Amino acid sequence: VVDNASRDGTSDLLADRPVDVLRLPRNLGYA
């Protein structure tokens, strides 16, 4: 899961999920 610098609590949702998380410092879009 690539998190495009979300600020809506997405990181909390991902905390308990068995997925690899790549958090980007800014929104790079889908591409």
PDB file of all heavy atoms in Angstrom:
ATOM      1  N   VAL A   1       0.858  -1.180   0.000  1.00  0.00           N
ATOM      2  CA  VAL A   1       0.000   0.000   0.000  1.00  0.00           C
ATOM      3  C   VAL A   1       0.896   1.232   0.000  1.00  0.00           C
ATOM      4  O   VAL A   1       1.712   1.416   0.897  1.00  0.00           O
ATOM      5  CB  VAL A   1      -0.942   0.033   1.225  1.00  0.00           C
ATOM      6  CG1 VAL A   1      -1.759   1.326   1.218  1.00  0.00           C
ATOM      7  CG2 VAL A   1      -1.865  -1.178   1.221  1.00  0.00           C
ATOM      8  N   VAL A   2       0.750   2.048  -1.039  1.00  0.00           N
ATOM      9  CA  VAL A   2       1.502   3.293  -1.142  1.00  0.00           C
ATOM     10  C   VAL A   2       0.620   4.409  -0.601  1.00  0.00           C
ATOM     11  O   VAL A   2      -0.426   4.719  -1.178  1.00  0.00           O
ATOM     12  CB  VAL A   2       1.909   3.594  -2.593  1.00  0.00           C
ATOM     13  CG1 VAL A   2       2.738   4.883  -2.653  1.00  0.00           C
ATOM     14  CG2 VAL A   2       2.687   2.429  -3.180  1.00  0.00           C
ATOM     15  N   ASP A   3       1.020   4.993   0.522  1.00  0.00           N
ATOM     16  CA  ASP A   3       0.258   6.080   1.132  1.00  0.00           C
ATOM     17  C   ASP A   3       0.858   7.406   0.677  1.00  0.00           C
ATOM     18  O   ASP A   3       1.960   7.773   1.052  1.00  0.00           O
ATOM     19  CB  ASP A   3       0.318   5.961   2.658  1.00  0.00           C
ATOM     20  CG  ASP A   3      -0.511   7.023   3.363  1.00  0.00           C
ATOM     21  OD1 ASP A   3      -1.143   7.847   2.664  1.00  0.00           O
ATOM     22  OD2 ASP A   3      -0.521   7.041   4.600  1.00  0.00           O
ATOM     23  N   ASN A   4       0.084   8.124  -0.139  1.00  0.00           N
ATOM     24  CA  ASN A   4       0.537   9.380  -0.717  1.00  0.00           C
ATOM     25  C   ASN A   4       0.373  10.541   0.272  1.00  0.00           C
ATOM     26  O   ASN A   4      -0.341  11.509   0.012  1.00  0.00           O
ATOM     27  CB  ASN A   4      -0.240   9.684  -2.005  1.00  0.00           C
ATOM     28  CG  ASN A   4       0.527   9.315  -3.254  1.00  0.00           C
ATOM     29  OD1 ASN A   4       1.738   9.480  -3.321  1.00  0.00           O
ATOM     30  ND2 ASN A   4      -0.186   8.817  -4.259  1.00  0.00           N
ATOM     31  N   ALA A   5       1.085  10.433   1.409  1.00  0.00           N
ATOM     32  CA  ALA A   5       1.092  11.512   2.410  1.00  0.00           C
ATOM     33  C   ALA A   5      -0.305  11.864   2.884  1.00  0.00           C
ATOM     34  O   ALA A   5      -0.651  13.046   3.034  1.00  0.00           O
ATOM     35  CB  ALA A   5       1.806  12.747   1.857  1.00  0.00           C
ATOM     36  N   SER A   6      -1.140  10.837   3.142  1.00  0.00           N
ATOM     37  CA  SER A   6      -2.497  11.079   3.629  1.00  0.00           C
ATOM     38  C   SER A   6      -2.467  11.689   5.021  1.00  0.00           C
ATOM     39  O   SER A   6      -1.589  11.395   5.830  1.00  0.00           O
ATOM     40  CB  SER A   6      -3.284   9.771   3.664  1.00  0.00           C
ATOM     41  OG  SER A   6      -3.366   9.180   2.385  1.00  0.00           O
ATOM     42  N   ARG A   7      -3.456  12.499   5.289  1.00  0.00           N
ATOM     43  CA  ARG A   7      -3.586  13.130   6.607  1.00  0.00           C
ATOM     44  C   ARG A   7      -4.989  12.912   7.171  1.00  0.00           C
ATOM     45  O   ARG A   7      -5.499  13.727   7.939  1.00  0.00           O
ATOM     46  CB  ARG A   7      -3.306  14.634   6.506  1.00  0.00           C
ATOM     47  CG  ARG A   7      -1.892  14.992   6.043  1.00  0.00           C
ATOM     48  CD  ARG A   7      -0.846  14.647   7.096  1.00  0.00           C
ATOM     49  NE  ARG A   7       0.483  15.083   6.704  1.00  0.00           N
ATOM     50  CZ  ARG A   7       1.354  14.339   6.039  1.00  0.00           C
ATOM     51  NH1 ARG A   7       0.998  13.090   5.677  1.00  0.00           N
ATOM     52  NH2 ARG A   7       2.554  14.792   5.715  1.00  0.00           N
ATOM     53  N   ASP A   8      -5.603  11.791   6.784  1.00  0.00           N
ATOM     54  CA  ASP A   8      -6.985  11.532   7.190  1.00  0.00           C
ATOM     55  C   ASP A   8      -7.111  10.336   8.118  1.00  0.00           C
ATOM     56  O   ASP A   8      -8.209   9.823   8.331  1.00  0.00           O
ATOM     57  CB  ASP A   8      -7.858  11.309   5.961  1.00  0.00           C
ATOM     58  CG  ASP A   8      -7.471  10.042   5.187  1.00  0.00           C
ATOM     59  OD1 ASP A   8      -6.331   9.569   5.368  1.00  0.00           O
ATOM     60  OD2 ASP A   8      -8.296   9.537   4.413  1.00  0.00           O
ATOM     61  N   GLY A   9      -6.001   9.874   8.673  1.00  0.00           N
ATOM     62  CA  GLY A   9      -6.035   8.698   9.532  1.00  0.00           C
ATOM     63  C   GLY A   9      -5.806   7.399   8.793  1.00  0.00           C
ATOM     64  O   GLY A   9      -5.982   6.313   9.376  1.00  0.00           O
ATOM     65  N   THR A  10      -5.404   7.471   7.536  1.00  0.00           N
ATOM     66  CA  THR A  10      -5.128   6.253   6.761  1.00  0.00           C
ATOM     67  C   THR A  10      -4.045   5.408   7.428  1.00  0.00           C
ATOM     68  O   THR A  10      -4.124   4.179   7.446  1.00  0.00           O
ATOM     69  CB  THR A  10      -4.697   6.625   5.331  1.00  0.00           C
ATOM     70  OG1 THR A  10      -5.797   7.226   4.646  1.00  0.00           O
ATOM     71  CG2 THR A  10      -4.240   5.398   4.558  1.00  0.00           C
ATOM     72  N   SER A  11      -3.029   6.066   7.994  1.00  0.00           N
ATOM     73  CA  SER A  11      -1.946   5.317   8.645  1.00  0.00           C
ATOM     74  C   SER A  11      -2.466   4.498   9.816  1.00  0.00           C
ATOM     75  O   SER A  11      -1.977   3.389  10.075  1.00  0.00           O
ATOM     76  CB  SER A  11      -0.849   6.277   9.105  1.00  0.00           C
ATOM     77  OG  SER A  11      -1.370   7.236  10.001  1.00  0.00           O
ATOM     78  N   ASP A  12      -3.465   4.990  10.534  1.00  0.00           N
ATOM     79  CA  ASP A  12      -4.039   4.228  11.648  1.00  0.00           C
ATOM     80  C   ASP A  12      -4.755   2.991  11.137  1.00  0.00           C
ATOM     81  O   ASP A  12      -4.670   1.911  11.735  1.00  0.00           O
ATOM     82  CB  ASP A  12      -5.024   5.109  12.429  1.00  0.00           C
ATOM     83  CG  ASP A  12      -4.339   6.285  13.105  1.00  0.00           C
ATOM     84  OD1 ASP A  12      -3.146   6.175  13.424  1.00  0.00           O
ATOM     85  OD2 ASP A  12      -5.007   7.310  13.313  1.00  0.00           O
ATOM     86  N   LEU A  13      -5.469   3.137  10.013  1.00  0.00           N
ATOM     87  CA  LEU A  13      -6.172   1.995   9.437  1.00  0.00           C
ATOM     88  C   LEU A  13      -5.189   0.911   9.008  1.00  0.00           C
ATOM     89  O   LEU A  13      -5.457  -0.276   9.154  1.00  0.00           O
ATOM     90  CB  LEU A  13      -7.012   2.465   8.252  1.00  0.00           C
ATOM     91  CG  LEU A  13      -7.858   1.429   7.504  1.00  0.00           C
ATOM     92  CD1 LEU A  13      -9.115   2.087   6.935  1.00  0.00           C
ATOM     93  CD2 LEU A  13      -7.082   0.782   6.355  1.00  0.00           C
ATOM     94  N   LEU A  14      -4.029   1.335   8.494  1.00  0.00           N
ATOM     95  CA  LEU A  14      -3.050   0.375   7.980  1.00  0.00           C
ATOM     96  C   LEU A  14      -2.230  -0.294   9.079  1.00  0.00           C
ATOM     97  O   LEU A  14      -1.592  -1.314   8.825  1.00  0.00           O
ATOM     98  CB  LEU A  14      -2.102   1.088   7.011  1.00  0.00           C
ATOM     99  CG  LEU A  14      -2.723   1.581   5.697  1.00  0.00           C
ATOM    100  CD1 LEU A  14      -1.725   2.438   4.935  1.00  0.00           C
ATOM    101  CD2 LEU A  14      -3.168   0.397   4.853  1.00  0.00           C
ATOM    102  N   ALA A  15      -2.254   0.266  10.263  1.00  0.00           N
ATOM    103  CA  ALA A  15      -1.380  -0.214  11.333  1.00  0.00           C
ATOM    104  C   ALA A  15      -1.604  -1.687  11.661  1.00  0.00           C
ATOM    105  O   ALA A  15      -0.659  -2.413  11.990  1.00  0.00           O
ATOM    106  CB  ALA A  15      -1.558   0.645  12.574  1.00  0.00           C
ATOM    107  N   ASP A  16      -2.846  -2.148  11.582  1.00  0.00           N
ATOM    108  CA  ASP A  16      -3.162  -3.526  11.959  1.00  0.00           C
ATOM    109  C   ASP A  16      -3.375  -4.436  10.759  1.00  0.00           C
ATOM    110  O   ASP A  16      -3.893  -5.544  10.909  1.00  0.00           O
ATOM    111  CB  ASP A  16      -4.419  -3.540  12.843  1.00  0.00           C
ATOM    112  CG  ASP A  16      -4.214  -2.773  14.144  1.00  0.00           C
ATOM    113  OD1 ASP A  16      -3.094  -2.809  14.678  1.00  0.00           O
ATOM    114  OD2 ASP A  16      -5.179  -2.142  14.612  1.00  0.00           O
ATOM    115  N   ARG A  17      -2.983  -3.978   9.581  1.00  0.00           N
ATOM    116  CA  ARG A  17      -3.185  -4.781   8.384  1.00  0.00           C
ATOM    117  C   ARG A  17      -1.892  -5.513   8.008  1.00  0.00           C
ATOM    118  O   ARG A  17      -0.798  -4.943   8.106  1.00  0.00           O
ATOM    119  CB  ARG A  17      -3.605  -3.888   7.211  1.00  0.00           C
ATOM    120  CG  ARG A  17      -4.937  -3.176   7.437  1.00  0.00           C
ATOM    121  CD  ARG A  17      -6.098  -4.085   7.095  1.00  0.00           C
ATOM    122  NE  ARG A  17      -7.380  -3.424   7.271  1.00  0.00           N
ATOM    123  CZ  ARG A  17      -8.521  -3.877   6.787  1.00  0.00           C
ATOM    124  NH1 ARG A  17      -8.531  -5.009   6.087  1.00  0.00           N
ATOM    125  NH2 ARG A  17      -9.654  -3.241   7.006  1.00  0.00           N
ATOM    126  N   PRO A  18      -2.004  -6.758   7.536  1.00  0.00           N
ATOM    127  CA  PRO A  18      -0.799  -7.516   7.138  1.00  0.00           C
ATOM    128  C   PRO A  18      -0.331  -7.134   5.734  1.00  0.00           C
ATOM    129  O   PRO A  18      -0.287  -7.964   4.818  1.00  0.00           O
ATOM    130  CB  PRO A  18      -1.284  -8.962   7.205  1.00  0.00           C
ATOM    131  CG  PRO A  18      -2.736  -8.873   6.851  1.00  0.00           C
ATOM    132  CD  PRO A  18      -3.228  -7.569   7.451  1.00  0.00           C
ATOM    133  N   VAL A  19       0.008  -5.879   5.563  1.00  0.00           N
ATOM    134  CA  VAL A  19       0.460  -5.382   4.262  1.00  0.00           C
ATOM    135  C   VAL A  19       1.744  -4.591   4.463  1.00  0.00           C
ATOM    136  O   VAL A  19       2.037  -4.112   5.562  1.00  0.00           O
ATOM    137  CB  VAL A  19      -0.607  -4.482   3.605  1.00  0.00           C
ATOM    138  CG1 VAL A  19      -1.887  -5.259   3.339  1.00  0.00           C
ATOM    139  CG2 VAL A  19      -0.899  -3.247   4.442  1.00  0.00           C
ATOM    140  N   ASP A  20       2.519  -4.479   3.392  1.00  0.00           N
ATOM    141  CA  ASP A  20       3.686  -3.606   3.413  1.00  0.00           C
ATOM    142  C   ASP A  20       3.237  -2.191   3.069  1.00  0.00           C
ATOM    143  O   ASP A  20       2.476  -1.994   2.113  1.00  0.00           O
ATOM    144  CB  ASP A  20       4.732  -4.075   2.396  1.00  0.00           C
ATOM    145  CG  ASP A  20       5.286  -5.445   2.745  1.00  0.00           C
ATOM    146  OD1 ASP A  20       5.379  -5.745   3.938  1.00  0.00           O
ATOM    147  OD2 ASP A  20       5.619  -6.201   1.813  1.00  0.00           O
ATOM    148  N   VAL A  21       3.681  -1.229   3.825  1.00  0.00           N
ATOM    149  CA  VAL A  21       3.267   0.152   3.622  1.00  0.00           C
ATOM    150  C   VAL A  21       4.462   0.986   3.191  1.00  0.00           C
ATOM    151  O   VAL A  21       5.513   0.960   3.827  1.00  0.00           O
ATOM    152  CB  VAL A  21       2.633   0.751   4.900  1.00  0.00           C
ATOM    153  CG1 VAL A  21       2.234   2.203   4.659  1.00  0.00           C
ATOM    154  CG2 VAL A  21       1.425  -0.074   5.326  1.00  0.00           C
ATOM    155  N   LEU A  22       4.280   1.700   2.102  1.00  0.00           N
ATOM    156  CA  LEU A  22       5.280   2.641   1.619  1.00  0.00           C
ATOM    157  C   LEU A  22       4.679   4.039   1.772  1.00  0.00           C
ATOM    158  O   LEU A  22       3.804   4.431   1.000  1.00  0.00           O
ATOM    159  CB  LEU A  22       5.632   2.352   0.158  1.00  0.00           C
ATOM    160  CG  LEU A  22       6.543   3.367  -0.551  1.00  0.00           C
ATOM    161  CD1 LEU A  22       7.869   3.539   0.194  1.00  0.00           C
ATOM    162  CD2 LEU A  22       6.766   2.962  -1.996  1.00  0.00           C
ATOM    163  N   ARG A  23       5.147   4.768   2.775  1.00  0.00           N
ATOM    164  CA  ARG A  23       4.617   6.114   3.011  1.00  0.00           C
ATOM    165  C   ARG A  23       5.503   7.133   2.309  1.00  0.00           C
ATOM    166  O   ARG A  23       6.704   7.202   2.566  1.00  0.00           O
ATOM    167  CB  ARG A  23       4.543   6.415   4.510  1.00  0.00           C
ATOM    168  CG  ARG A  23       3.474   5.604   5.223  1.00  0.00           C
ATOM    169  CD  ARG A  23       3.249   6.085   6.666  1.00  0.00           C
ATOM    170  NE  ARG A  23       2.152   5.374   7.277  1.00  0.00           N
ATOM    171  CZ  ARG A  23       2.261   4.202   7.913  1.00  0.00           C
ATOM    172  NH1 ARG A  23       3.455   3.636   8.021  1.00  0.00           N
ATOM    173  NH2 ARG A  23       1.209   3.613   8.444  1.00  0.00           N
ATOM    174  N   LEU A  24       4.906   7.895   1.430  1.00  0.00           N
ATOM    175  CA  LEU A  24       5.639   8.901   0.679  1.00  0.00           C
ATOM    176  C   LEU A  24       5.557  10.252   1.397  1.00  0.00           C
ATOM    177  O   LEU A  24       4.535  10.566   2.019  1.00  0.00           O
ATOM    178  CB  LEU A  24       5.068   9.019  -0.737  1.00  0.00           C
ATOM    179  CG  LEU A  24       5.119   7.729  -1.569  1.00  0.00           C
ATOM    180  CD1 LEU A  24       4.510   7.965  -2.939  1.00  0.00           C
ATOM    181  CD2 LEU A  24       6.549   7.211  -1.690  1.00  0.00           C
ATOM    182  N   PRO A  25       6.612  11.069   1.287  1.00  0.00           N
ATOM    183  CA  PRO A  25       6.615  12.348   2.005  1.00  0.00           C
ATOM    184  C   PRO A  25       5.667  13.377   1.409  1.00  0.00           C
ATOM    185  O   PRO A  25       5.322  14.360   2.066  1.00  0.00           O
ATOM    186  CB  PRO A  25       8.079  12.811   1.889  1.00  0.00           C
ATOM    187  CG  PRO A  25       8.593  12.120   0.662  1.00  0.00           C
ATOM    188  CD  PRO A  25       7.897  10.798   0.623  1.00  0.00           C
ATOM    189  N   ARG A  26       5.267  13.168   0.145  1.00  0.00           N
ATOM    190  CA  ARG A  26       4.303  14.064  -0.491  1.00  0.00           C
ATOM    191  C   ARG A  26       3.489  13.272  -1.505  1.00  0.00           C
ATOM    192  O   ARG A  26       3.844  12.150  -1.868  1.00  0.00           O
ATOM    193  CB  ARG A  26       5.007  15.230  -1.182  1.00  0.00           C
ATOM    194  CG  ARG A  26       5.995  14.846  -2.265  1.00  0.00           C
ATOM    195  CD  ARG A  26       6.782  16.033  -2.758  1.00  0.00           C
ATOM    196  NE  ARG A  26       7.765  15.681  -3.761  1.00  0.00           N
ATOM    197  CZ  ARG A  26       7.527  15.654  -5.076  1.00  0.00           C
ATOM    198  NH1 ARG A  26       6.318  15.997  -5.523  1.00  0.00           N
ATOM    199  NH2 ARG A  26       8.465  15.315  -5.937  1.00  0.00           N
ATOM    200  N   ASN A  27       2.400  13.869  -1.942  1.00  0.00           N
ATOM    201  CA  ASN A  27       1.502  13.186  -2.868  1.00  0.00           C
ATOM    202  C   ASN A  27       2.096  13.155  -4.269  1.00  0.00           C
ATOM    203  O   ASN A  27       2.230  14.191  -4.918  1.00  0.00           O
ATOM    204  CB  ASN A  27       0.145  13.903  -2.879  1.00  0.00           C
ATOM    205  CG  ASN A  27      -0.884  13.169  -3.731  1.00  0.00           C
ATOM    206  OD1 ASN A  27      -0.634  12.077  -4.245  1.00  0.00           O
ATOM    207  ND2 ASN A  27      -2.056  13.768  -3.871  1.00  0.00           N
ATOM    208  N   LEU A  28       2.457  11.964  -4.750  1.00  0.00           N
ATOM    209  CA  LEU A  28       3.024  11.790  -6.087  1.00  0.00           C
ATOM    210  C   LEU A  28       1.992  11.317  -7.092  1.00  0.00           C
ATOM    211  O   LEU A  28       2.334  11.005  -8.230  1.00  0.00           O
ATOM    212  CB  LEU A  28       4.192  10.800  -6.041  1.00  0.00           C
ATOM    213  CG  LEU A  28       5.382  11.188  -5.160  1.00  0.00           C
ATOM    214  CD1 LEU A  28       6.481  10.136  -5.261  1.00  0.00           C
ATOM    215  CD2 LEU A  28       5.920  12.565  -5.533  1.00  0.00           C
ATOM    216  N   GLY A  29       0.728  11.251  -6.677  1.00  0.00           N
ATOM    217  CA  GLY A  29      -0.317  10.796  -7.577  1.00  0.00           C
ATOM    218  C   GLY A  29      -0.303   9.286  -7.757  1.00  0.00           C
ATOM    219  O   GLY A  29       0.518   8.564  -7.180  1.00  0.00           O
ATOM    220  N   TYR A  30      -1.226   8.806  -8.585  1.00  0.00           N
ATOM    221  CA  TYR A  30      -1.313   7.369  -8.814  1.00  0.00           C
ATOM    222  C   TYR A  30      -0.095   6.860  -9.569  1.00  0.00           C
ATOM    223  O   TYR A  30       0.522   5.850  -9.193  1.00  0.00           O
ATOM    224  CB  TYR A  30      -2.584   7.047  -9.593  1.00  0.00           C
ATOM    225  CG  TYR A  30      -2.883   5.571  -9.676  1.00  0.00           C
ATOM    226  CD1 TYR A  30      -3.297   4.871  -8.548  1.00  0.00           C
ATOM    227  CD2 TYR A  30      -2.752   4.867 -10.865  1.00  0.00           C
ATOM    228  CE1 TYR A  30      -3.579   3.510  -8.600  1.00  0.00           C
ATOM    229  CE2 TYR A  30      -3.033   3.514 -10.941  1.00  0.00           C
ATOM    230  CZ  TYR A  30      -3.442   2.834  -9.804  1.00  0.00           C
ATOM    231  OH  TYR A  30      -3.699   1.481  -9.859  1.00  0.00           O
ATOM    232  N   ALA A  31       0.280   7.576 -10.626  1.00  0.00           N
ATOM    233  CA  ALA A  31       1.441   7.139 -11.419  1.00  0.00           C
ATOM    234  C   ALA A  31       2.710   7.147 -10.584  1.00  0.00           C
ATOM    235  O   ALA A  31       3.505   6.197 -10.619  1.00  0.00           O
ATOM    236  CB  ALA A  31       1.596   8.040 -12.648  1.00  0.00           C
TER     237      ALA A  31
END
